[in-house]
Structures are given as C-alpha cells and as structure tokens.
Amino acid sequence: MKRRKVEHAAMRSATTAVISSTDTAVREAHWRPSARFIGLAIASIAPALFWCVVVELIAYWSGVSLSPMAVGALFVTIAAFLFAICAPLMLRNSPAKDHAPRPAAPDLNGRPASR
C-alpha cells in the first residue's frame, strides 16, 4: 500500500513537471504584432463572411433577392462589430508582458508548487 502511494506521488510530480514545461513554452512563444493583426483580421472577417453567405442562402430559399449593397453593409457591420470585440482581447498584452513570470499554480494538495 505504501509503495503505491510513492508511485502515485512520483507520477504526480512527473505530470506536474510536464505541464509546467508546456505552460512555459506557450508563454515564451513570441508573437509579432503583425501576426496578432492577421489573427484579428481572420477572427473578424471569416465569421462575417460566413454569416453573409448564410443570410444569402436563407434569402434565396425564401424567394427574396438581396442587393449586393445590403449584403456588403451586413458584412461590414458584422466585421466591424467583431473587430471591436476581438481587438481588445487579442491585442491586450504587449510582447514584454507575455514574457513576465507567472506564479506557479498550487499542487493537488493545495500547497504552492515548486519548480
């Protein structure tokens, strides 16, 4: 029984080390500002394009014809809304803040984890 507890403790510490190293690698990834803006463009333009196609299909199936101006206005409205929502979320951290050390998460017993 005691041996099993030792094995579980060893497994827990090994798992914690792997998770910790993965977390460190993710935090140390350096994203250029241009990559962040490209991600922001994709996050706002792709859903706007999707919903414009959906609206066009619904209009076509219901027998209504939408003007290109209406579809374009819908696209611009959705893309601008998503840009306004996503920009503060995706661009909030400067690259210098991305590399700031973070406190270690507590281990399974609630004690501060040692790295």
PDB file of N, CA and C in Angstrom:
ATOM      1  N   MET A   1       0.828  -1.190   0.000  1.00  0.00           N
ATOM      2  CA  MET A   1       0.000   0.000   0.000  1.00  0.00           C
ATOM      3  C   MET A   1       0.871   1.252   0.000  1.00  0.00           C
ATOM      4  N   LYS A   2       1.930   1.240   0.813  1.00  0.00           N
ATOM      5  CA  LYS A   2       2.808   2.398   0.900  1.00  0.00           C
ATOM      6  C   LYS A   2       3.559   2.598  -0.415  1.00  0.00           C
ATOM      7  N   ARG A   3       3.924   1.485  -1.068  1.00  0.00           N
ATOM      8  CA  ARG A   3       4.622   1.581  -2.334  1.00  0.00           C
ATOM      9  C   ARG A   3       3.734   2.240  -3.387  1.00  0.00           C
ATOM     10  N   ARG A   4       2.448   1.926  -3.369  1.00  0.00           N
ATOM     11  CA  ARG A   4       1.515   2.511  -4.316  1.00  0.00           C
ATOM     12  C   ARG A   4       1.433   4.022  -4.134  1.00  0.00           C
ATOM     13  N   LYS A   5       1.445   4.499  -2.892  1.00  0.00           N
ATOM     14  CA  LYS A   5       1.403   5.934  -2.632  1.00  0.00           C
ATOM     15  C   LYS A   5       2.653   6.611  -3.164  1.00  0.00           C
ATOM     16  N   VAL A   6       3.785   5.956  -3.011  1.00  0.00           N
ATOM     17  CA  VAL A   6       5.041   6.519  -3.516  1.00  0.00           C
ATOM     18  C   VAL A   6       4.997   6.600  -5.039  1.00  0.00           C
ATOM     19  N   GLU A   7       4.469   5.554  -5.688  1.00  0.00           N
ATOM     20  CA  GLU A   7       4.356   5.559  -7.138  1.00  0.00           C
ATOM     21  C   GLU A   7       3.422   6.675  -7.611  1.00  0.00           C
ATOM     22  N   HIS A   8       2.311   6.871  -6.904  1.00  0.00           N
ATOM     23  CA  HIS A   8       1.384   7.944  -7.280  1.00  0.00           C
ATOM     24  C   HIS A   8       2.031   9.308  -7.101  1.00  0.00           C
ATOM     25  N   ALA A   9       2.799   9.490  -6.057  1.00  0.00           N
ATOM     26  CA  ALA A   9       3.474  10.765  -5.834  1.00  0.00           C
ATOM     27  C   ALA A   9       4.499  11.017  -6.924  1.00  0.00           C
ATOM     28  N   ALA A  10       5.223   9.990  -7.337  1.00  0.00           N
ATOM     29  CA  ALA A  10       6.206  10.139  -8.407  1.00  0.00           C
ATOM     30  C   ALA A  10       5.512  10.486  -9.723  1.00  0.00           C
ATOM     31  N   MET A  11       4.402   9.837  -9.993  1.00  0.00           N
ATOM     32  CA  MET A  11       3.661  10.111 -11.216  1.00  0.00           C
ATOM     33  C   MET A  11       3.112  11.534 -11.217  1.00  0.00           C
ATOM     34  N   ARG A  12       2.612  11.979 -10.067  1.00  0.00           N
ATOM     35  CA  ARG A  12       2.075  13.330  -9.958  1.00  0.00           C
ATOM     36  C   ARG A  12       3.166  14.359 -10.201  1.00  0.00           C
ATOM     37  N   SER A  13       4.345  14.162  -9.634  1.00  0.00           N
ATOM     38  CA  SER A  13       5.410  15.140  -9.821  1.00  0.00           C
ATOM     39  C   SER A  13       5.893  15.143 -11.259  1.00  0.00           C
ATOM     40  N   ALA A  14       5.940  13.982 -11.911  1.00  0.00           N
ATOM     41  CA  ALA A  14       6.340  13.925 -13.314  1.00  0.00           C
ATOM     42  C   ALA A  14       5.315  14.635 -14.188  1.00  0.00           C
ATOM     43  N   THR A  15       4.040  14.412 -13.915  1.00  0.00           N
ATOM     44  CA  THR A  15       2.982  15.062 -14.685  1.00  0.00           C
ATOM     45  C   THR A  15       3.018  16.570 -14.488  1.00  0.00           C
ATOM     46  N   THR A  16       3.236  17.001 -13.255  1.00  0.00           N
ATOM     47  CA  THR A  16       3.315  18.430 -12.974  1.00  0.00           C
ATOM     48  C   THR A  16       4.487  19.062 -13.708  1.00  0.00           C
ATOM     49  N   ALA A  17       5.613  18.362 -13.782  1.00  0.00           N
ATOM     50  CA  ALA A  17       6.777  18.898 -14.487  1.00  0.00           C
ATOM     51  C   ALA A  17       6.499  19.049 -15.977  1.00  0.00           C
ATOM     52  N   VAL A  18       5.815  18.081 -16.569  1.00  0.00           N
ATOM     53  CA  VAL A  18       5.499  18.160 -17.994  1.00  0.00           C
ATOM     54  C   VAL A  18       4.534  19.302 -18.254  1.00  0.00           C
ATOM     55  N   ILE A  19       3.498  19.421 -17.444  1.00  0.00           N
ATOM     56  CA  ILE A  19       2.534  20.507 -17.616  1.00  0.00           C
ATOM     57  C   ILE A  19       3.209  21.851 -17.424  1.00  0.00           C
ATOM     58  N   SER A  20       4.089  21.954 -16.459  1.00  0.00           N
ATOM     59  CA  SER A  20       4.793  23.196 -16.193  1.00  0.00           C
ATOM     60  C   SER A  20       5.681  23.579 -17.367  1.00  0.00           C
ATOM     61  N   SER A  21       6.406  22.613 -17.947  1.00  0.00           N
ATOM     62  CA  SER A  21       7.273  22.932 -19.077  1.00  0.00           C
ATOM     63  C   SER A  21       6.460  23.312 -20.310  1.00  0.00           C
ATOM     64  N   THR A  22       5.305  22.702 -20.501  1.00  0.00           N
ATOM     65  CA  THR A  22       4.439  23.064 -21.621  1.00  0.00           C
ATOM     66  C   THR A  22       3.906  24.476 -21.436  1.00  0.00           C
ATOM     67  N   ASP A  23       3.492  24.816 -20.219  1.00  0.00           N
ATOM     68  CA  ASP A  23       3.000  26.158 -19.929  1.00  0.00           C
ATOM     69  C   ASP A  23       4.082  27.198 -20.177  1.00  0.00           C
ATOM     70  N   THR A  24       5.305  26.888 -19.786  1.00  0.00           N
ATOM     71  CA  THR A  24       6.412  27.811 -20.003  1.00  0.00           C
ATOM     72  C   THR A  24       6.669  28.002 -21.487  1.00  0.00           C
ATOM     73  N   ALA A  25       6.618  26.929 -22.256  1.00  0.00           N
ATOM     74  CA  ALA A  25       6.852  27.028 -23.697  1.00  0.00           C
ATOM     75  C   ALA A  25       5.782  27.876 -24.369  1.00  0.00           C
ATOM     76  N   VAL A  26       4.546  27.726 -23.942  1.00  0.00           N
ATOM     77  CA  VAL A  26       3.464  28.515 -24.530  1.00  0.00           C
ATOM     78  C   VAL A  26       3.638  29.983 -24.178  1.00  0.00           C
ATOM     79  N   ARG A  27       4.014  30.286 -22.942  1.00  0.00           N
ATOM     80  CA  ARG A  27       4.204  31.670 -22.540  1.00  0.00           C
ATOM     81  C   ARG A  27       5.383  32.306 -23.251  1.00  0.00           C
ATOM     82  N   GLU A  28       6.403  31.512 -23.591  1.00  0.00           N
ATOM     83  CA  GLU A  28       7.597  32.073 -24.200  1.00  0.00           C
ATOM     84  C   GLU A  28       7.480  32.240 -25.709  1.00  0.00           C
ATOM     85  N   ALA A  29       6.390  31.772 -26.309  1.00  0.00           N
ATOM     86  CA  ALA A  29       6.189  31.972 -27.734  1.00  0.00           C
ATOM     87  C   ALA A  29       6.010  33.465 -27.986  1.00  0.00           C
ATOM     88  N   HIS A  30       6.783  34.003 -28.910  1.00  0.00           N
ATOM     89  CA  HIS A  30       6.743  35.444 -29.171  1.00  0.00           C
ATOM     90  C   HIS A  30       5.959  35.689 -30.451  1.00  0.00           C
ATOM     91  N   TRP A  31       4.842  36.373 -30.329  1.00  0.00           N
ATOM     92  CA  TRP A  31       4.014  36.695 -31.482  1.00  0.00           C
ATOM     93  C   TRP A  31       4.308  38.118 -31.907  1.00  0.00           C
ATOM     94  N   ARG A  32       4.645  38.291 -33.154  1.00  0.00           N
ATOM     95  CA  ARG A  32       4.877  39.632 -33.688  1.00  0.00           C
ATOM     96  C   ARG A  32       3.544  40.373 -33.745  1.00  0.00           C
ATOM     97  N   PRO A  33       3.593  41.684 -33.700  1.00  0.00           N
ATOM     98  CA  PRO A  33       2.343  42.451 -33.823  1.00  0.00           C
ATOM     99  C   PRO A  33       1.616  42.166 -35.143  1.00  0.00           C
ATOM    100  N   SER A  34       2.371  41.931 -36.219  1.00  0.00           N
ATOM    101  CA  SER A  34       1.714  41.648 -37.499  1.00  0.00           C
ATOM    102  C   SER A  34       0.935  40.336 -37.436  1.00  0.00           C
ATOM    103  N   ALA A  35       1.468  39.340 -36.718  1.00  0.00           N
ATOM    104  CA  ALA A  35       0.750  38.073 -36.579  1.00  0.00           C
ATOM    105  C   ALA A  35      -0.524  38.265 -35.763  1.00  0.00           C
ATOM    106  N   ARG A  36      -0.462  39.126 -34.768  1.00  0.00           N
ATOM    107  CA  ARG A  36      -1.667  39.402 -33.980  1.00  0.00           C
ATOM    108  C   ARG A  36      -2.728  40.095 -34.818  1.00  0.00           C
ATOM    109  N   PHE A  37      -2.324  41.030 -35.679  1.00  0.00           N
ATOM    110  CA  PHE A  37      -3.292  41.718 -36.532  1.00  0.00           C
ATOM    111  C   PHE A  37      -3.860  40.779 -37.594  1.00  0.00           C
ATOM    112  N   ILE A  38      -3.049  39.864 -38.092  1.00  0.00           N
ATOM    113  CA  ILE A  38      -3.560  38.884 -39.050  1.00  0.00           C
ATOM    114  C   ILE A  38      -4.589  37.989 -38.366  1.00  0.00           C
ATOM    115  N   GLY A  39      -4.302  37.564 -37.148  1.00  0.00           N
ATOM    116  CA  GLY A  39      -5.273  36.776 -36.392  1.00  0.00           C
ATOM    117  C   GLY A  39      -6.550  37.546 -36.131  1.00  0.00           C
ATOM    118  N   LEU A  40      -6.414  38.831 -35.826  1.00  0.00           N
ATOM    119  CA  LEU A  40      -7.581  39.677 -35.605  1.00  0.00           C
ATOM    120  C   LEU A  40      -8.413  39.812 -36.873  1.00  0.00           C
ATOM    121  N   ALA A  41      -7.740  39.958 -38.010  1.00  0.00           N
ATOM    122  CA  ALA A  41      -8.458  40.065 -39.286  1.00  0.00           C
ATOM    123  C   ALA A  41      -9.211  38.774 -39.589  1.00  0.00           C
ATOM    124  N   ILE A  42      -8.561  37.639 -39.345  1.00  0.00           N
ATOM    125  CA  ILE A  42      -9.224  36.355 -39.588  1.00  0.00           C
ATOM    126  C   ILE A  42     -10.407  36.183 -38.645  1.00  0.00           C
ATOM    127  N   ALA A  43     -10.224  36.584 -37.377  1.00  0.00           N
ATOM    128  CA  ALA A  43     -11.291  36.418 -36.384  1.00  0.00           C
ATOM    129  C   ALA A  43     -12.486  37.321 -36.655  1.00  0.00           C
ATOM    130  N   SER A  44     -12.304  38.393 -37.389  1.00  0.00           N
ATOM    131  CA  SER A  44     -13.441  39.268 -37.672  1.00  0.00           C
ATOM    132  C   SER A  44     -14.004  39.077 -39.081  1.00  0.00           C
ATOM    133  N   ILE A  45     -13.163  38.782 -40.046  1.00  0.00           N
ATOM    134  CA  ILE A  45     -13.631  38.681 -41.431  1.00  0.00           C
ATOM    135  C   ILE A  45     -14.270  37.321 -41.729  1.00  0.00           C
ATOM    136  N   ALA A  46     -13.664  36.237 -41.247  1.00  0.00           N
ATOM    137  CA  ALA A  46     -14.197  34.897 -41.565  1.00  0.00           C
ATOM    138  C   ALA A  46     -15.629  34.692 -41.052  1.00  0.00           C
ATOM    139  N   PRO A  47     -15.946  35.023 -39.792  1.00  0.00           N
ATOM    140  CA  PRO A  47     -17.344  34.867 -39.365  1.00  0.00           C
ATOM    141  C   PRO A  47     -18.305  35.803 -40.105  1.00  0.00           C
ATOM    142  N   ALA A  48     -17.848  37.018 -40.434  1.00  0.00           N
ATOM    143  CA  ALA A  48     -18.704  37.943 -41.177  1.00  0.00           C
ATOM    144  C   ALA A  48     -19.022  37.375 -42.552  1.00  0.00           C
ATOM    145  N   LEU A  49     -18.030  36.799 -43.191  1.00  0.00           N
ATOM    146  CA  LEU A  49     -18.254  36.178 -44.495  1.00  0.00           C
ATOM    147  C   LEU A  49     -19.205  34.984 -44.380  1.00  0.00           C
ATOM    148  N   PHE A  50     -19.017  34.163 -43.350  1.00  0.00           N
ATOM    149  CA  PHE A  50     -19.894  33.014 -43.127  1.00  0.00           C
ATOM    150  C   PHE A  50     -21.346  33.448 -42.960  1.00  0.00           C
ATOM    151  N   TRP A  51     -21.585  34.450 -42.118  1.00  0.00           N
ATOM    152  CA  TRP A  51     -22.968  34.856 -41.866  1.00  0.00           C
ATOM    153  C   TRP A  51     -23.592  35.551 -43.071  1.00  0.00           C
ATOM    154  N   CYS A  52     -22.802  36.217 -43.881  1.00  0.00           N
ATOM    155  CA  CYS A  52     -23.346  36.797 -45.113  1.00  0.00           C
ATOM    156  C   CYS A  52     -23.784  35.704 -46.085  1.00  0.00           C
ATOM    157  N   VAL A  53     -23.001  34.633 -46.170  1.00  0.00           N
ATOM    158  CA  VAL A  53     -23.390  33.510 -47.024  1.00  0.00           C
ATOM    159  C   VAL A  53     -24.660  32.853 -46.492  1.00  0.00           C
ATOM    160  N   VAL A  54     -24.754  32.697 -45.170  1.00  0.00           N
ATOM    161  CA  VAL A  54     -25.954  32.103 -44.571  1.00  0.00           C
ATOM    162  C   VAL A  54     -27.181  32.970 -44.867  1.00  0.00           C
ATOM    163  N   VAL A  55     -27.058  34.265 -44.703  1.00  0.00           N
ATOM    164  CA  VAL A  55     -28.182  35.173 -44.971  1.00  0.00           C
ATOM    165  C   VAL A  55     -28.562  35.116 -46.446  1.00  0.00           C
ATOM    166  N   GLU A  56     -27.574  35.072 -47.328  1.00  0.00           N
ATOM    167  CA  GLU A  56     -27.859  34.966 -48.763  1.00  0.00           C
ATOM    168  C   GLU A  56     -28.603  33.671 -49.089  1.00  0.00           C
ATOM    169  N   LEU A  57     -28.169  32.556 -48.483  1.00  0.00           N
ATOM    170  CA  LEU A  57     -28.842  31.281 -48.731  1.00  0.00           C
ATOM    171  C   LEU A  57     -30.280  31.287 -48.214  1.00  0.00           C
ATOM    172  N   ILE A  58     -30.489  31.838 -47.041  1.00  0.00           N
ATOM    173  CA  ILE A  58     -31.847  31.916 -46.488  1.00  0.00           C
ATOM    174  C   ILE A  58     -32.726  32.800 -47.374  1.00  0.00           C
ATOM    175  N   ALA A  59     -32.182  33.906 -47.832  1.00  0.00           N
ATOM    176  CA  ALA A  59     -32.944  34.795 -48.716  1.00  0.00           C
ATOM    177  C   ALA A  59     -33.261  34.097 -50.035  1.00  0.00           C
ATOM    178  N   TYR A  60     -32.295  33.361 -50.571  1.00  0.00           N
ATOM    179  CA  TYR A  60     -32.517  32.644 -51.831  1.00  0.00           C
ATOM    180  C   TYR A  60     -33.588  31.578 -51.672  1.00  0.00           C
ATOM    181  N   TRP A  61     -33.527  30.809 -50.578  1.00  0.00           N
ATOM    182  CA  TRP A  61     -34.506  29.746 -50.355  1.00  0.00           C
ATOM    183  C   TRP A  61     -35.903  30.289 -50.072  1.00  0.00           C
ATOM    184  N   SER A  62     -35.971  31.479 -49.523  1.00  0.00           N
ATOM    185  CA  SER A  62     -37.289  32.047 -49.247  1.00  0.00           C
ATOM    186  C   SER A  62     -37.814  32.875 -50.419  1.00  0.00           C
ATOM    187  N   GLY A  63     -37.042  32.981 -51.486  1.00  0.00           N
ATOM    188  CA  GLY A  63     -37.505  33.672 -52.685  1.00  0.00           C
ATOM    189  C   GLY A  63     -37.298  35.175 -52.662  1.00  0.00           C
ATOM    190  N   VAL A  64     -36.467  35.658 -51.770  1.00  0.00           N
ATOM    191  CA  VAL A  64     -36.190  37.096 -51.675  1.00  0.00           C
ATOM    192  C   VAL A  64     -34.825  37.362 -52.279  1.00  0.00           C
ATOM    193  N   SER A  65     -34.696  38.463 -52.985  1.00  0.00           N
ATOM    194  CA  SER A  65     -33.417  38.837 -53.582  1.00  0.00           C
ATOM    195  C   SER A  65     -32.813  39.995 -52.789  1.00  0.00           C
ATOM    196  N   LEU A  66     -31.623  39.803 -52.291  1.00  0.00           N
ATOM    197  CA  LEU A  66     -30.922  40.864 -51.563  1.00  0.00           C
ATOM    198  C   LEU A  66     -29.966  41.577 -52.499  1.00  0.00           C
ATOM    199  N   SER A  67     -29.901  42.883 -52.371  1.00  0.00           N
ATOM    200  CA  SER A  67     -28.982  43.646 -53.207  1.00  0.00           C
ATOM    201  C   SER A  67     -27.550  43.454 -52.703  1.00  0.00           C
ATOM    202  N   PRO A  68     -26.589  43.592 -53.592  1.00  0.00           N
ATOM    203  CA  PRO A  68     -25.189  43.498 -53.158  1.00  0.00           C
ATOM    204  C   PRO A  68     -24.837  44.566 -52.114  1.00  0.00           C
ATOM    205  N   MET A  69     -25.506  45.707 -52.191  1.00  0.00           N
ATOM    206  CA  MET A  69     -25.263  46.775 -51.217  1.00  0.00           C
ATOM    207  C   MET A  69     -25.712  46.333 -49.823  1.00  0.00           C
ATOM    208  N   ALA A  70     -26.834  45.637 -49.723  1.00  0.00           N
ATOM    209  CA  ALA A  70     -27.333  45.165 -48.429  1.00  0.00           C
ATOM    210  C   ALA A  70     -26.408  44.099 -47.846  1.00  0.00           C
ATOM    211  N   VAL A  71     -25.952  43.186 -48.689  1.00  0.00           N
ATOM    212  CA  VAL A  71     -25.041  42.141 -48.217  1.00  0.00           C
ATOM    213  C   VAL A  71     -23.704  42.755 -47.806  1.00  0.00           C
ATOM    214  N   GLY A  72     -23.235  43.721 -48.560  1.00  0.00           N
ATOM    215  CA  GLY A  72     -21.983  44.408 -48.211  1.00  0.00           C
ATOM    216  C   GLY A  72     -22.100  45.172 -46.897  1.00  0.00           C
ATOM    217  N   ALA A  73     -23.245  45.824 -46.687  1.00  0.00           N
ATOM    218  CA  ALA A  73     -23.453  46.539 -45.426  1.00  0.00           C
ATOM    219  C   ALA A  73     -23.516  45.570 -44.254  1.00  0.00           C
ATOM    220  N   LEU A  74     -24.150  44.422 -44.470  1.00  0.00           N
ATOM    221  CA  LEU A  74     -24.197  43.401 -43.425  1.00  0.00           C
ATOM    222  C   LEU A  74     -22.793  42.893 -43.106  1.00  0.00           C
ATOM    223  N   PHE A  75     -21.989  42.651 -44.146  1.00  0.00           N
ATOM    224  CA  PHE A  75     -20.618  42.187 -43.958  1.00  0.00           C
ATOM    225  C   PHE A  75     -19.792  43.197 -43.173  1.00  0.00           C
ATOM    226  N   VAL A  76     -19.855  44.449 -43.562  1.00  0.00           N
ATOM    227  CA  VAL A  76     -19.080  45.498 -42.881  1.00  0.00           C
ATOM    228  C   VAL A  76     -19.534  45.648 -41.432  1.00  0.00           C
ATOM    229  N   THR A  77     -20.824  45.575 -41.185  1.00  0.00           N
ATOM    230  CA  THR A  77     -21.351  45.707 -39.827  1.00  0.00           C
ATOM    231  C   THR A  77     -20.875  44.566 -38.934  1.00  0.00           C
ATOM    232  N   ILE A  78     -20.981  43.344 -39.426  1.00  0.00           N
ATOM    233  CA  ILE A  78     -20.546  42.196 -38.616  1.00  0.00           C
ATOM    234  C   ILE A  78     -19.038  42.236 -38.391  1.00  0.00           C
ATOM    235  N   ALA A  79     -18.270  42.510 -39.439  1.00  0.00           N
ATOM    236  CA  ALA A  79     -16.812  42.553 -39.305  1.00  0.00           C
ATOM    237  C   ALA A  79     -16.372  43.663 -38.353  1.00  0.00           C
ATOM    238  N   ALA A  80     -17.001  44.821 -38.427  1.00  0.00           N
ATOM    239  CA  ALA A  80     -16.637  45.917 -37.530  1.00  0.00           C
ATOM    240  C   ALA A  80     -16.995  45.588 -36.080  1.00  0.00           C
ATOM    241  N   PHE A  81     -18.140  44.962 -35.876  1.00  0.00           N
ATOM    242  CA  PHE A  81     -18.531  44.570 -34.525  1.00  0.00           C
ATOM    243  C   PHE A  81     -17.546  43.558 -33.947  1.00  0.00           C
ATOM    244  N   LEU A  82     -17.220  42.525 -34.720  1.00  0.00           N
ATOM    245  CA  LEU A  82     -16.272  41.522 -34.232  1.00  0.00           C
ATOM    246  C   LEU A  82     -14.884  42.113 -34.017  1.00  0.00           C
ATOM    247  N   PHE A  83     -14.485  43.040 -34.881  1.00  0.00           N
ATOM    248  CA  PHE A  83     -13.194  43.705 -34.695  1.00  0.00           C
ATOM    249  C   PHE A  83     -13.187  44.482 -33.391  1.00  0.00           C
ATOM    250  N   ALA A  84     -14.281  45.180 -33.106  1.00  0.00           N
ATOM    251  CA  ALA A  84     -14.363  45.969 -31.873  1.00  0.00           C
ATOM    252  C   ALA A  84     -14.346  45.085 -30.630  1.00  0.00           C
ATOM    253  N   ILE A  85     -14.918  43.894 -30.730  1.00  0.00           N
ATOM    254  CA  ILE A  85     -14.940  42.975 -29.596  1.00  0.00           C
ATOM    255  C   ILE A  85     -13.606  42.242 -29.466  1.00  0.00           C
ATOM    256  N   CYS A  86     -13.052  41.776 -30.568  1.00  0.00           N
ATOM    257  CA  CYS A  86     -11.839  40.945 -30.528  1.00  0.00           C
ATOM    258  C   CYS A  86     -10.557  41.744 -30.341  1.00  0.00           C
ATOM    259  N   ALA A  87     -10.497  42.975 -30.814  1.00  0.00           N
ATOM    260  CA  ALA A  87      -9.253  43.741 -30.744  1.00  0.00           C
ATOM    261  C   ALA A  87      -8.749  43.921 -29.316  1.00  0.00           C
ATOM    262  N   PRO A  88      -9.577  44.339 -28.371  1.00  0.00           N
ATOM    263  CA  PRO A  88      -9.048  44.476 -27.012  1.00  0.00           C
ATOM    264  C   PRO A  88      -8.618  43.147 -26.404  1.00  0.00           C
ATOM    265  N   LEU A  89      -9.268  42.060 -26.796  1.00  0.00           N
ATOM    266  CA  LEU A  89      -8.913  40.752 -26.247  1.00  0.00           C
ATOM    267  C   LEU A  89      -7.623  40.211 -26.845  1.00  0.00           C
ATOM    268  N   MET A  90      -7.451  40.362 -28.144  1.00  0.00           N
ATOM    269  CA  MET A  90      -6.293  39.770 -28.807  1.00  0.00           C
ATOM    270  C   MET A  90      -5.053  40.646 -28.727  1.00  0.00           C
ATOM    271  N   LEU A  91      -5.228  41.935 -28.574  1.00  0.00           N
ATOM    272  CA  LEU A  91      -4.082  42.838 -28.573  1.00  0.00           C
ATOM    273  C   LEU A  91      -3.781  43.404 -27.192  1.00  0.00           C
ATOM    274  N   ARG A  92      -4.372  42.848 -26.138  1.00  0.00           N
ATOM    275  CA  ARG A  92      -4.255  43.448 -24.810  1.00  0.00           C
ATOM    276  C   ARG A  92      -2.877  43.339 -24.197  1.00  0.00           C
ATOM    277  N   ASN A  93      -2.111  42.281 -24.476  1.00  0.00           N
ATOM    278  CA  ASN A  93      -0.799  42.110 -23.866  1.00  0.00           C
ATOM    279  C   ASN A  93       0.289  42.547 -24.823  1.00  0.00           C
ATOM    280  N   SER A  94       1.188  43.378 -24.330  1.00  0.00           N
ATOM    281  CA  SER A  94       2.344  43.714 -25.139  1.00  0.00           C
ATOM    282  C   SER A  94       3.306  42.537 -25.090  1.00  0.00           C
ATOM    283  N   PRO A  95       4.204  42.405 -26.060  1.00  0.00           N
ATOM    284  CA  PRO A  95       5.136  41.273 -26.042  1.00  0.00           C
ATOM    285  C   PRO A  95       5.983  41.222 -24.773  1.00  0.00           C
ATOM    286  N   ALA A  96       6.289  42.359 -24.175  1.00  0.00           N
ATOM    287  CA  ALA A  96       7.083  42.356 -22.943  1.00  0.00           C
ATOM    288  C   ALA A  96       6.300  41.720 -21.796  1.00  0.00           C
ATOM    289  N   LYS A  97       4.998  41.932 -21.758  1.00  0.00           N
ATOM    290  CA  LYS A  97       4.180  41.350 -20.700  1.00  0.00           C
ATOM    291  C   LYS A  97       3.970  39.858 -20.900  1.00  0.00           C
ATOM    292  N   ASP A  98       4.073  39.391 -22.157  1.00  0.00           N
ATOM    293  CA  ASP A  98       3.916  37.968 -22.415  1.00  0.00           C
ATOM    294  C   ASP A  98       5.014  37.145 -21.751  1.00  0.00           C
ATOM    295  N   HIS A  99       6.189  37.738 -21.562  1.00  0.00           N
ATOM    296  CA  HIS A  99       7.325  37.012 -21.004  1.00  0.00           C
ATOM    297  C   HIS A  99       7.467  37.202 -19.503  1.00  0.00           C
ATOM    298  N   ALA A 100       6.542  37.905 -18.901  1.00  0.00           N
ATOM    299  CA  ALA A 100       6.619  38.123 -17.450  1.00  0.00           C
ATOM    300  C   ALA A 100       6.383  36.802 -16.727  1.00  0.00           C
ATOM    301  N   PRO A 101       7.148  36.540 -15.678  1.00  0.00           N
ATOM    302  CA  PRO A 101       6.945  35.285 -14.949  1.00  0.00           C
ATOM    303  C   PRO A 101       5.593  35.281 -14.241  1.00  0.00           C
ATOM    304  N   ARG A 102       4.986  34.125 -14.234  1.00  0.00           N
ATOM    305  CA  ARG A 102       3.699  33.963 -13.560  1.00  0.00           C
ATOM    306  C   ARG A 102       3.894  33.089 -12.345  1.00  0.00           C
ATOM    307  N   PRO A 103       3.110  33.317 -11.309  1.00  0.00           N
ATOM    308  CA  PRO A 103       3.241  32.461 -10.128  1.00  0.00           C
ATOM    309  C   PRO A 103       2.816  31.032 -10.452  1.00  0.00           C
ATOM    310  N   ALA A 104       3.490  30.086  -9.803  1.00  0.00           N
ATOM    311  CA  ALA A 104       3.187  28.676 -10.033  1.00  0.00           C
ATOM    312  C   ALA A 104       1.826  28.331  -9.428  1.00  0.00           C
ATOM    313  N   ALA A 105       1.111  27.460 -10.103  1.00  0.00           N
ATOM    314  CA  ALA A 105      -0.190  27.007  -9.610  1.00  0.00           C
ATOM    315  C   ALA A 105       0.030  26.052  -8.442  1.00  0.00           C
ATOM    316  N   PRO A 106      -0.895  26.015  -7.501  1.00  0.00           N
ATOM    317  CA  PRO A 106      -0.736  25.082  -6.386  1.00  0.00           C
ATOM    318  C   PRO A 106      -0.835  23.641  -6.857  1.00  0.00           C
ATOM    319  N   ASP A 107      -0.183  22.737  -6.118  1.00  0.00           N
ATOM    320  CA  ASP A 107      -0.249  21.329  -6.483  1.00  0.00           C
ATOM    321  C   ASP A 107      -1.601  20.750  -6.065  1.00  0.00           C
ATOM    322  N   LEU A 108      -1.758  19.455  -6.225  1.00  0.00           N
ATOM    323  CA  LEU A 108      -3.045  18.816  -5.957  1.00  0.00           C
ATOM    324  C   LEU A 108      -3.457  18.892  -4.493  1.00  0.00           C
ATOM    325  N   ASN A 109      -2.501  19.062  -3.593  1.00  0.00           N
ATOM    326  CA  ASN A 109      -2.817  19.142  -2.169  1.00  0.00           C
ATOM    327  C   ASN A 109      -3.023  20.572  -1.690  1.00  0.00           C
ATOM    328  N   GLY A 110      -2.949  21.547  -2.581  1.00  0.00           N
ATOM    329  CA  GLY A 110      -3.181  22.933  -2.217  1.00  0.00           C
ATOM    330  C   GLY A 110      -1.930  23.671  -1.780  1.00  0.00           C
ATOM    331  N   ARG A 111      -0.795  22.996  -1.768  1.00  0.00           N
ATOM    332  CA  ARG A 111       0.457  23.648  -1.383  1.00  0.00           C
ATOM    333  C   ARG A 111       1.053  24.348  -2.601  1.00  0.00           C
ATOM    334  N   PRO A 112       1.831  25.405  -2.400  1.00  0.00           N
ATOM    335  CA  PRO A 112       2.472  26.061  -3.528  1.00  0.00           C
ATOM    336  C   PRO A 112       3.410  25.086  -4.239  1.00  0.00           C
ATOM    337  N   ALA A 113       3.340  25.055  -5.558  1.00  0.00           N
ATOM    338  CA  ALA A 113       4.162  24.125  -6.329  1.00  0.00           C
ATOM    339  C   ALA A 113       5.581  24.649  -6.405  1.00  0.00           C
ATOM    340  N   SER A 114       6.525  23.745  -6.371  1.00  0.00           N
ATOM    341  CA  SER A 114       7.927  24.137  -6.540  1.00  0.00           C
ATOM    342  C   SER A 114       8.345  23.774  -7.950  1.00  0.00           C
ATOM    343  N   ARG A 115       9.125  24.633  -8.549  1.00  0.00           N
ATOM    344  CA  ARG A 115       9.539  24.384  -9.938  1.00  0.00           C
ATOM    345  C   ARG A 115      10.963  23.962  -9.981  1.00  0.00           C
TER     346      ARG A 115
END
